[in-house]
Amino acid sequence: MSGDTSITMVKRAFATSNGAELVWCELGEGRPVLLLHGLFSNAETNWVRFGHAAAIAANGFRVIVPDLRAHGASAASHDAADYPPDVLARDGLELIAHLALSDYDLGGYSLGARTSARMVILGARPRRLVISGMGLRGMLDVHRRADHFRKILTGLGTHQRGSPEWMAEAFLKTTGGDAQAMLPLLGSFVSSTENELRTIDMPTLVLSGAEDQDNGPADALAELLPNGTYVEVPGNHMSAVTKPELGQEIARFLSA
């Protein structure tokens, strides 16, 4: 992985309880923060390439960035049996246990944000939580977006140039994603209820591109959470991750 050459990046792997190998990288020293990437992406693209991990690490954090199951260097099975409901959240909980993290922060972008919230609902207790690139609708109804991505993955090469589907396919190509692994992954997504979301009571940063409505209004999600704070950064769902403000705002929130 690339990034700030003044900070050493370490790559490691572990096997989950169902035998899938998951790869993660980490950099920096200090308070652990686990950051999860979005669908079709990977840790390098979401957190390293544009300097976010380095910016957060420079503020005194041990930044841990895994490749989610079916992404990057992690296991990418084509068997639907390897993608039970909430598998990504359970993978995240197993990584926390594997690393013996007891006092840590947690966050993610898009799918990674929803996964982070699901981890908290399933029992994770980070000191602070970051939900970026995700709105209330995307939490309450995973099926609309899952159907959108299913259409993309089953129609590769047929999407109209310039359409959202075409752009998503182009992004998948740049990350080298495995479409046949991501298809069964879509079936593992679990919607959250408003009552479940209200149990997320730790300080939570809801961070969104000013032009991002892909998952519905992010400010409405912040309002629902007992201790949510809404912050905008430049960009839309795809471009916000390229802006330095994303990492800067996360570092500012975690350092408070």
Protein backbone atom coordinates (compact mmCIF):
# COMPACT_ATOMS: atom_id res chain seq x y z
CA MET A 1 0.00 0.00 0.00
CA SER A 2 1.05 3.56 -0.63
CA GLY A 3 0.66 6.66 1.52
CA ASP A 4 2.88 8.89 3.66
CA THR A 5 6.33 7.33 3.45
CA SER A 6 7.24 8.83 6.84
CA ILE A 7 4.79 6.44 8.50
CA THR A 8 5.40 2.68 8.22
CA MET A 9 2.51 0.64 6.84
CA VAL A 10 2.24 -2.91 8.18
CA LYS A 11 0.19 -5.62 6.44
CA ARG A 12 -1.27 -8.56 8.35
CA ALA A 13 -3.93 -11.29 8.00
CA PHE A 14 -6.06 -13.55 10.18
CA ALA A 15 -8.59 -16.33 9.68
CA THR A 16 -12.19 -15.78 10.76
CA SER A 17 -14.19 -18.42 12.62
CA ASN A 18 -15.51 -19.75 9.30
CA GLY A 19 -12.04 -19.95 7.79
CA ALA A 20 -12.04 -16.88 5.56
CA GLU A 21 -8.72 -15.03 5.50
CA LEU A 22 -9.07 -11.30 6.04
CA VAL A 23 -6.22 -8.88 5.40
CA TRP A 24 -5.69 -5.59 7.16
CA CYS A 25 -3.04 -2.89 7.20
CA GLU A 26 -2.19 -0.46 9.94
CA LEU A 27 -0.05 2.59 10.42
CA GLY A 28 0.75 4.98 13.20
CA GLU A 29 0.88 4.58 16.95
CA GLY A 30 -1.53 5.53 19.70
CA ARG A 31 -5.24 5.08 20.18
CA PRO A 32 -6.60 2.34 17.82
CA VAL A 33 -9.18 3.35 15.23
CA LEU A 34 -10.69 0.75 12.90
CA LEU A 35 -11.87 2.20 9.56
CA LEU A 36 -13.92 0.20 7.03
CA HIS A 37 -14.13 0.97 3.32
CA GLY A 38 -17.09 1.07 0.94
CA LEU A 39 -18.52 -1.39 -1.57
CA PHE A 40 -16.42 -2.00 -4.73
CA SER A 41 -13.51 -0.29 -2.94
CA ASN A 42 -10.70 -1.45 -0.64
CA ALA A 43 -8.60 -0.04 2.18
CA GLU A 44 -5.98 1.36 -0.19
CA THR A 45 -8.48 3.27 -2.31
CA ASN A 46 -10.70 4.54 0.49
CA TRP A 47 -8.25 5.37 3.26
CA VAL A 48 -4.65 5.33 2.03
CA ARG A 49 -4.45 6.72 -1.51
CA PHE A 50 -5.80 10.17 -0.71
CA GLY A 51 -3.98 10.56 2.59
CA HIS A 52 -6.79 10.07 5.10
CA ALA A 53 -5.13 7.25 7.07
CA ALA A 54 -1.85 9.18 7.24
CA ALA A 55 -3.62 12.36 8.35
CA ILE A 56 -5.40 10.50 11.15
CA ALA A 57 -2.24 8.62 12.17
CA ALA A 58 -0.35 11.93 12.34
CA ASN A 59 -2.77 12.99 15.09
CA GLY A 60 -1.63 10.16 17.35
CA PHE A 61 -3.72 7.19 16.20
CA ARG A 62 -3.02 3.59 15.28
CA VAL A 63 -5.09 3.38 12.10
CA ILE A 64 -6.33 -0.12 11.23
CA VAL A 65 -7.80 -0.51 7.73
CA PRO A 66 -8.99 -3.98 6.65
CA ASP A 67 -10.07 -5.15 3.23
CA LEU A 68 -13.63 -6.34 3.74
CA ARG A 69 -14.60 -9.87 2.77
CA ALA A 70 -15.02 -10.06 -1.06
CA HIS A 71 -12.76 -7.03 -1.50
CA GLY A 72 -9.08 -6.29 -1.99
CA ALA A 73 -6.69 -8.93 -0.70
CA SER A 74 -9.23 -10.58 1.61
CA ALA A 75 -11.09 -13.82 0.89
CA ALA A 76 -13.43 -13.51 -2.09
CA SER A 77 -15.50 -16.67 -2.17
CA HIS A 78 -18.16 -17.09 -4.88
CA ASP A 79 -20.23 -19.35 -2.61
CA ALA A 80 -23.35 -17.73 -1.14
CA ALA A 81 -22.94 -19.90 1.98
CA ASP A 82 -19.92 -17.77 2.88
CA TYR A 83 -22.09 -14.64 3.12
CA PRO A 84 -24.64 -15.10 5.91
CA PRO A 85 -26.58 -12.08 7.22
CA ASP A 86 -24.36 -9.42 8.82
CA VAL A 87 -21.19 -11.29 7.84
CA LEU A 88 -19.17 -8.08 7.44
CA ALA A 89 -20.18 -6.80 10.88
CA ARG A 90 -19.31 -10.15 12.43
CA ASP A 91 -15.96 -10.13 10.61
CA GLY A 92 -15.32 -6.72 12.13
CA LEU A 93 -16.17 -7.96 15.61
CA GLU A 94 -13.80 -10.89 15.13
CA LEU A 95 -11.01 -8.54 14.05
CA ILE A 96 -11.54 -6.45 17.19
CA ALA A 97 -11.32 -9.64 19.27
CA HIS A 98 -8.27 -10.87 17.34
CA LEU A 99 -6.48 -7.58 18.01
CA ALA A 100 -7.69 -7.57 21.63
CA LEU A 101 -9.00 -4.02 21.28
CA SER A 102 -10.89 -2.81 24.34
CA ASP A 103 -10.52 0.97 24.08
CA TYR A 104 -10.80 2.04 20.45
CA ASP A 105 -12.68 4.11 17.89
CA LEU A 106 -14.59 2.80 14.88
CA GLY A 107 -15.84 4.15 11.58
CA GLY A 108 -16.38 3.62 7.91
CA TYR A 109 -17.44 5.02 4.57
CA SER A 110 -20.68 4.01 2.79
CA LEU A 111 -20.94 0.21 3.21
CA GLY A 112 -18.18 0.50 5.81
CA ALA A 113 -20.23 3.09 7.70
CA ARG A 114 -23.32 0.90 7.71
CA THR A 115 -21.20 -2.07 8.77
CA SER A 116 -19.72 -0.04 11.63
CA ALA A 117 -23.23 0.83 12.83
CA ARG A 118 -24.27 -2.82 12.59
CA MET A 119 -21.20 -3.75 14.67
CA VAL A 120 -22.35 -1.38 17.41
CA ILE A 121 -25.88 -2.76 17.25
CA LEU A 122 -24.39 -6.26 17.60
CA GLY A 123 -22.34 -5.29 20.63
CA ALA A 124 -19.23 -3.29 19.68
CA ARG A 125 -18.51 -0.45 22.13
CA PRO A 126 -16.13 2.06 20.56
CA ARG A 127 -15.45 5.31 22.37
CA ARG A 128 -16.38 7.27 19.22
CA LEU A 129 -18.04 6.28 15.95
CA VAL A 130 -17.68 7.75 12.45
CA ILE A 131 -20.47 7.22 9.90
CA SER A 132 -19.44 8.77 6.58
CA GLY A 133 -21.05 8.53 3.15
CA MET A 134 -24.26 7.12 4.62
CA GLY A 135 -27.74 8.53 5.21
CA LEU A 136 -30.78 7.44 7.16
CA ARG A 137 -32.49 5.74 4.21
CA GLY A 138 -29.41 3.63 3.53
CA MET A 139 -29.54 2.36 7.10
CA LEU A 140 -33.26 1.63 7.22
CA ASP A 141 -33.56 -0.03 3.79
CA VAL A 142 -30.56 -1.89 2.42
CA HIS A 143 -32.53 -3.50 -0.39
CA ARG A 144 -32.84 -0.48 -2.67
CA ARG A 145 -29.08 0.01 -2.88
CA ALA A 146 -28.40 -3.73 -2.96
CA ASP A 147 -30.74 -4.05 -5.96
CA HIS A 148 -28.94 -1.14 -7.64
CA PHE A 149 -25.57 -2.84 -7.24
CA ARG A 150 -26.98 -6.21 -8.25
CA LYS A 151 -28.11 -4.61 -11.51
CA ILE A 152 -24.62 -3.23 -12.02
CA LEU A 153 -22.88 -6.54 -11.34
CA THR A 154 -25.20 -8.63 -13.51
CA GLY A 155 -25.06 -6.17 -16.42
CA LEU A 156 -21.35 -5.48 -16.70
CA GLY A 157 -20.46 -4.13 -20.11
CA THR A 158 -24.04 -3.10 -20.97
CA HIS A 159 -24.48 0.13 -18.98
CA GLN A 160 -24.95 3.42 -20.79
CA ARG A 161 -21.79 5.48 -20.85
CA GLY A 162 -21.89 8.22 -18.22
CA SER A 163 -24.76 6.65 -16.24
CA PRO A 164 -24.39 5.99 -12.50
CA GLU A 165 -24.22 2.27 -13.30
CA TRP A 166 -21.47 2.83 -15.87
CA MET A 167 -19.49 4.97 -13.43
CA ALA A 168 -19.80 2.36 -10.68
CA GLU A 169 -18.62 -0.34 -13.08
CA ALA A 170 -15.65 1.85 -14.06
CA PHE A 171 -14.77 2.26 -10.38
CA LEU A 172 -14.99 -1.50 -9.86
CA LYS A 173 -12.50 -1.96 -12.69
CA THR A 174 -10.05 0.51 -11.14
CA THR A 175 -10.08 -1.38 -7.83
CA GLY A 176 -9.86 -4.80 -9.48
CA GLY A 177 -12.98 -5.99 -7.65
CA ASP A 178 -14.36 -9.51 -8.05
CA ALA A 179 -17.96 -9.17 -9.25
CA GLN A 180 -18.73 -12.85 -8.64
CA ALA A 181 -17.76 -12.48 -4.98
CA MET A 182 -19.65 -9.23 -4.48
CA LEU A 183 -22.92 -10.59 -5.85
CA PRO A 184 -23.52 -13.04 -2.97
CA LEU A 185 -22.21 -10.44 -0.51
CA LEU A 186 -25.19 -8.21 -1.38
CA GLY A 187 -27.51 -10.79 0.14
CA SER A 188 -25.80 -10.46 3.52
CA PHE A 189 -26.83 -6.83 4.06
CA VAL A 190 -29.18 -6.23 6.99
CA SER A 191 -31.41 -3.18 7.49
CA SER A 192 -31.50 -1.48 10.87
CA THR A 193 -34.60 -0.18 12.61
CA GLU A 194 -34.91 3.32 14.03
CA ASN A 195 -35.01 1.81 17.52
CA GLU A 196 -31.76 -0.05 16.86
CA LEU A 197 -30.13 3.13 15.61
CA ARG A 198 -31.22 4.97 18.74
CA THR A 199 -29.17 2.51 20.81
CA ILE A 200 -26.00 3.96 19.19
CA ASP A 201 -25.35 6.35 22.05
CA MET A 202 -21.61 7.10 21.84
CA PRO A 203 -20.48 10.39 20.22
CA THR A 204 -20.99 9.84 16.48
CA LEU A 205 -19.77 11.92 13.57
CA VAL A 206 -22.11 11.70 10.57
CA LEU A 207 -19.94 12.95 7.72
CA SER A 208 -21.26 13.46 4.19
CA GLY A 209 -20.33 15.03 0.90
CA ALA A 210 -22.40 18.18 0.38
CA GLU A 211 -23.76 16.74 -2.88
CA ASP A 212 -24.19 13.16 -1.67
CA GLN A 213 -27.77 11.87 -1.56
CA ASP A 214 -27.02 8.27 -2.61
CA ASN A 215 -28.18 6.88 0.74
CA GLY A 216 -30.67 9.57 1.65
CA PRO A 217 -30.19 12.54 3.98
CA ALA A 218 -27.24 12.17 6.32
CA ASP A 219 -28.41 15.03 8.53
CA ALA A 220 -31.60 13.06 9.30
CA LEU A 221 -29.43 10.18 10.50
CA ALA A 222 -27.47 12.51 12.77
CA GLU A 223 -30.71 13.86 14.20
CA LEU A 224 -31.96 10.35 15.00
CA LEU A 225 -28.82 9.30 16.84
CA PRO A 226 -28.75 10.25 20.54
CA ASN A 227 -25.26 11.79 20.27
CA GLY A 228 -24.87 12.48 16.55
CA THR A 229 -23.09 15.43 14.94
CA TYR A 230 -23.52 16.22 11.25
CA VAL A 231 -20.64 17.66 9.20
CA GLU A 232 -20.43 18.29 5.45
CA VAL A 233 -17.34 17.99 3.30
CA PRO A 234 -16.98 18.86 -0.40
CA GLY A 235 -18.06 16.39 -3.06
CA ASN A 236 -20.60 13.71 -3.88
CA HIS A 237 -20.62 10.04 -2.92
CA MET A 238 -17.76 9.16 -5.25
CA SER A 239 -15.65 12.31 -5.00
CA ALA A 240 -15.82 13.05 -1.27
CA VAL A 241 -13.24 10.32 -0.57
CA THR A 242 -10.73 12.15 -2.78
CA LYS A 243 -10.96 15.37 -0.73
CA PRO A 244 -8.52 16.00 2.12
CA GLU A 245 -11.35 17.39 4.21
CA LEU A 246 -12.69 13.85 4.79
CA GLY A 247 -9.62 12.71 6.71
CA GLN A 248 -9.20 16.10 8.36
CA GLU A 249 -12.71 16.06 9.80
CA ILE A 250 -12.35 12.49 11.04
CA ALA A 251 -9.02 13.34 12.71
CA ARG A 252 -10.55 16.45 14.30
CA PHE A 253 -13.50 14.50 15.69
CA LEU A 254 -11.42 11.63 17.04
CA SER A 255 -8.94 14.02 18.64
CA ALA A 256 -11.57 16.03 20.51
